Amino acid sequence: MNYYENIFDSNDLEKIWQSYLLRPQWNYWHTSVDESDNCHWLMDFDNELFFTKNLFDKLKVLIGEYKLDTVYANGQTYGLDGNMHIDSEKPNRYTFLYYPMYHWDLTWGGETIIIRPEGVVDTVYPKPNTGILFPSNWPHLGKGPSRDFNDLRVTIAFKLYK
């Protein structure tokens, strides 16, 4: 797993929130695994050039040359924990999970838990403007925020391949 900080500039971060994440286009009933009752919010960005071209080109400067399969935002509120899952069983597939929050307090929870093949467990908190890159066949889950946070915990998932 690779960890990155200060991924996008303040103009990009502002546009992510103001032009996209605040739109009333969130869809509920998304699950990490089939036939789960653990639903959360999702917004698809596959047809948004700002994500598929502008942000992805900047991301490739940091992480190297990948191709983009899909990109979308996950939204969770208190009580909306995800299920442990993998994103793909195919070889050479990767997930880049970006945390676009403006501010995050550790007491709000909202961590991403990732299990490496050797059994090591990584816990990543949604520090603003950071991201993690990991193989898509590593089990992981996103935890909803604590009761102390009364907003939407957002991650943006870039599903990648080589």
Protein backbone atom coordinates (compact mmCIF):
# COMPACT_ATOMS: atom_id res chain seq x y z
CA MET A 1 0.00 0.00 0.00
CA ASN A 2 1.26 3.48 -0.87
CA TYR A 3 0.13 6.62 0.94
CA TYR A 4 0.08 10.09 -0.67
CA GLU A 5 -0.46 13.57 0.78
CA ASN A 6 -1.37 16.95 -0.76
CA ILE A 7 -2.66 15.33 -3.91
CA PHE A 8 -4.64 18.12 -5.53
CA ASP A 9 -4.34 21.89 -5.23
CA SER A 10 -6.90 24.03 -3.41
CA ASN A 11 -8.66 24.99 -6.66
CA ASP A 12 -9.22 21.32 -7.54
CA LEU A 13 -10.39 20.51 -4.03
CA GLU A 14 -12.83 23.42 -4.11
CA LYS A 15 -14.17 22.31 -7.50
CA ILE A 16 -14.53 18.68 -6.33
CA TRP A 17 -16.79 19.85 -3.51
CA GLN A 18 -18.61 22.84 -4.93
CA SER A 19 -19.19 21.62 -8.48
CA TYR A 20 -19.64 17.90 -7.86
CA LEU A 21 -20.05 16.53 -4.33
CA LEU A 22 -22.67 19.09 -3.31
CA ARG A 23 -24.86 18.27 -6.33
CA PRO A 24 -28.09 16.44 -5.53
CA GLN A 25 -26.98 13.39 -7.53
CA TRP A 26 -26.14 10.97 -4.75
CA ASN A 27 -27.78 7.55 -5.08
CA TYR A 28 -28.52 5.41 -2.06
CA TRP A 29 -28.68 1.60 -1.85
CA HIS A 30 -25.12 1.02 -3.06
CA THR A 31 -23.42 -1.93 -1.37
CA SER A 32 -19.82 -3.17 -1.33
CA VAL A 33 -20.92 -6.79 -1.68
CA ASP A 34 -23.94 -8.39 -3.33
CA GLU A 35 -26.98 -9.11 -1.17
CA SER A 36 -25.77 -6.96 1.73
CA ASP A 37 -28.00 -4.74 3.84
CA ASN A 38 -25.07 -2.36 4.50
CA CYS A 39 -25.95 0.39 2.04
CA HIS A 40 -24.28 3.73 1.48
CA TRP A 41 -24.34 6.65 -0.94
CA LEU A 42 -22.68 6.67 -4.36
CA MET A 43 -22.10 9.27 -7.10
CA ASP A 44 -20.73 8.12 -10.47
CA PHE A 45 -18.08 10.24 -12.22
CA ASP A 46 -17.36 8.07 -15.27
CA ASN A 47 -18.80 10.72 -17.61
CA GLU A 48 -17.15 13.69 -15.89
CA LEU A 49 -13.99 14.83 -17.74
CA PHE A 50 -12.90 16.74 -14.64
CA PHE A 51 -12.37 13.37 -12.91
CA THR A 52 -11.52 11.07 -15.83
CA LYS A 53 -9.07 13.47 -17.51
CA ASN A 54 -8.06 16.49 -15.37
CA LEU A 55 -7.74 14.86 -11.96
CA PHE A 56 -6.63 11.51 -13.32
CA ASP A 57 -3.79 13.11 -15.32
CA LYS A 58 -2.57 14.83 -12.14
CA LEU A 59 -2.91 11.59 -10.20
CA LYS A 60 -0.76 9.71 -12.71
CA VAL A 61 2.10 12.16 -12.07
CA LEU A 62 2.09 10.93 -8.45
CA ILE A 63 1.38 7.23 -8.80
CA GLY A 64 2.73 6.34 -12.23
CA GLU A 65 1.16 5.20 -15.46
CA TYR A 66 -2.18 3.44 -15.02
CA LYS A 67 -5.35 3.24 -17.06
CA LEU A 68 -8.69 4.26 -15.56
CA ASP A 69 -11.53 1.76 -15.41
CA THR A 70 -14.07 3.71 -13.35
CA VAL A 71 -14.28 6.56 -10.83
CA TYR A 72 -16.99 7.34 -8.29
CA ALA A 73 -17.60 8.81 -4.85
CA ASN A 74 -18.76 6.87 -1.80
CA GLY A 75 -20.67 8.65 0.95
CA GLN A 76 -21.25 7.37 4.47
CA THR A 77 -22.95 8.78 7.52
CA TYR A 78 -23.06 7.42 11.06
CA GLY A 79 -24.03 3.73 11.06
CA LEU A 80 -23.28 3.13 7.37
CA ASP A 81 -20.22 0.88 7.69
CA GLY A 82 -19.22 -1.00 4.57
CA ASN A 83 -18.60 -4.74 4.28
CA MET A 84 -15.17 -6.30 3.96
CA HIS A 85 -14.70 -6.87 0.22
CA ILE A 86 -12.26 -6.88 -2.65
CA ASP A 87 -12.68 -4.66 -5.70
CA SER A 88 -11.38 -7.13 -8.29
CA GLU A 89 -9.90 -10.60 -8.54
CA LYS A 90 -8.22 -9.77 -11.87
CA PRO A 91 -4.43 -9.36 -11.90
CA ASN A 92 -2.89 -5.90 -12.27
CA ARG A 93 -5.95 -4.12 -10.86
CA TYR A 94 -5.54 -1.34 -8.31
CA THR A 95 -7.68 0.96 -6.23
CA PHE A 96 -6.73 4.55 -5.49
CA LEU A 97 -8.89 5.85 -2.65
CA TYR A 98 -8.87 9.63 -2.28
CA TYR A 99 -10.08 11.52 0.82
CA PRO A 100 -11.46 14.92 -0.33
CA MET A 101 -12.64 16.13 3.09
CA TYR A 102 -11.73 19.74 3.98
CA HIS A 103 -11.19 18.82 7.63
CA TRP A 104 -11.19 15.61 9.65
CA ASP A 105 -10.93 14.95 13.38
CA LEU A 106 -9.66 11.49 14.40
CA THR A 107 -12.50 11.20 16.91
CA TRP A 108 -14.89 11.07 13.95
CA GLY A 109 -13.66 7.60 12.91
CA GLY A 110 -14.41 6.94 9.25
CA GLU A 111 -11.28 4.89 8.77
CA THR A 112 -10.53 2.54 5.88
CA ILE A 113 -9.33 -0.88 6.99
CA ILE A 114 -7.16 -2.86 4.59
CA ILE A 115 -5.85 -6.40 5.07
CA ARG A 116 -2.58 -7.23 3.31
CA PRO A 117 -1.98 -10.78 2.02
CA GLU A 118 0.40 -11.53 4.92
CA GLY A 119 -2.36 -10.61 7.40
CA VAL A 120 -1.12 -7.14 8.35
CA VAL A 121 -4.03 -4.77 8.97
CA ASP A 122 -3.67 -1.13 7.89
CA THR A 123 -5.99 1.51 9.30
CA VAL A 124 -6.13 4.73 7.30
CA TYR A 125 -8.05 7.75 8.55
CA PRO A 126 -9.58 10.18 6.05
CA LYS A 127 -6.98 12.92 6.39
CA PRO A 128 -7.93 15.72 3.98
CA ASN A 129 -6.43 15.67 0.49
CA THR A 130 -4.67 12.32 0.95
CA GLY A 131 -5.01 8.99 -0.80
CA ILE A 132 -3.94 5.37 -0.77
CA LEU A 133 -3.07 3.03 -3.61
CA PHE A 134 -3.42 -0.72 -3.09
CA PRO A 135 -4.02 -3.87 -5.12
CA SER A 136 -7.73 -4.35 -5.76
CA ASN A 137 -7.64 -7.93 -4.49
CA TRP A 138 -6.76 -6.85 -0.94
CA PRO A 139 -9.78 -7.08 1.38
CA HIS A 140 -10.86 -3.70 2.72
CA LEU A 141 -13.82 -1.79 4.11
CA GLY A 142 -14.80 1.78 4.80
CA LYS A 143 -16.15 2.60 8.23
CA GLY A 144 -18.86 5.16 8.66
CA PRO A 145 -18.11 8.18 10.83
CA SER A 146 -18.85 8.31 14.55
CA ARG A 147 -21.98 9.83 16.03
CA ASP A 148 -19.97 13.02 16.65
CA PHE A 149 -19.80 13.74 12.90
CA ASN A 150 -23.12 14.83 11.40
CA ASP A 151 -22.19 15.06 7.75
CA LEU A 152 -21.12 12.81 4.89
CA ARG A 153 -17.74 11.03 5.04
CA VAL A 154 -16.66 10.95 1.37
CA THR A 155 -14.06 8.97 -0.51
CA ILE A 156 -13.43 9.01 -4.24
CA ALA A 157 -12.45 5.65 -5.70
CA PHE A 158 -10.36 5.50 -8.86
CA LYS A 159 -10.37 1.89 -10.12
CA LEU A 160 -7.20 1.33 -12.13
CA TYR A 161 -5.37 -1.27 -14.18
CA LYS A 162 -2.01 -1.73 -15.89
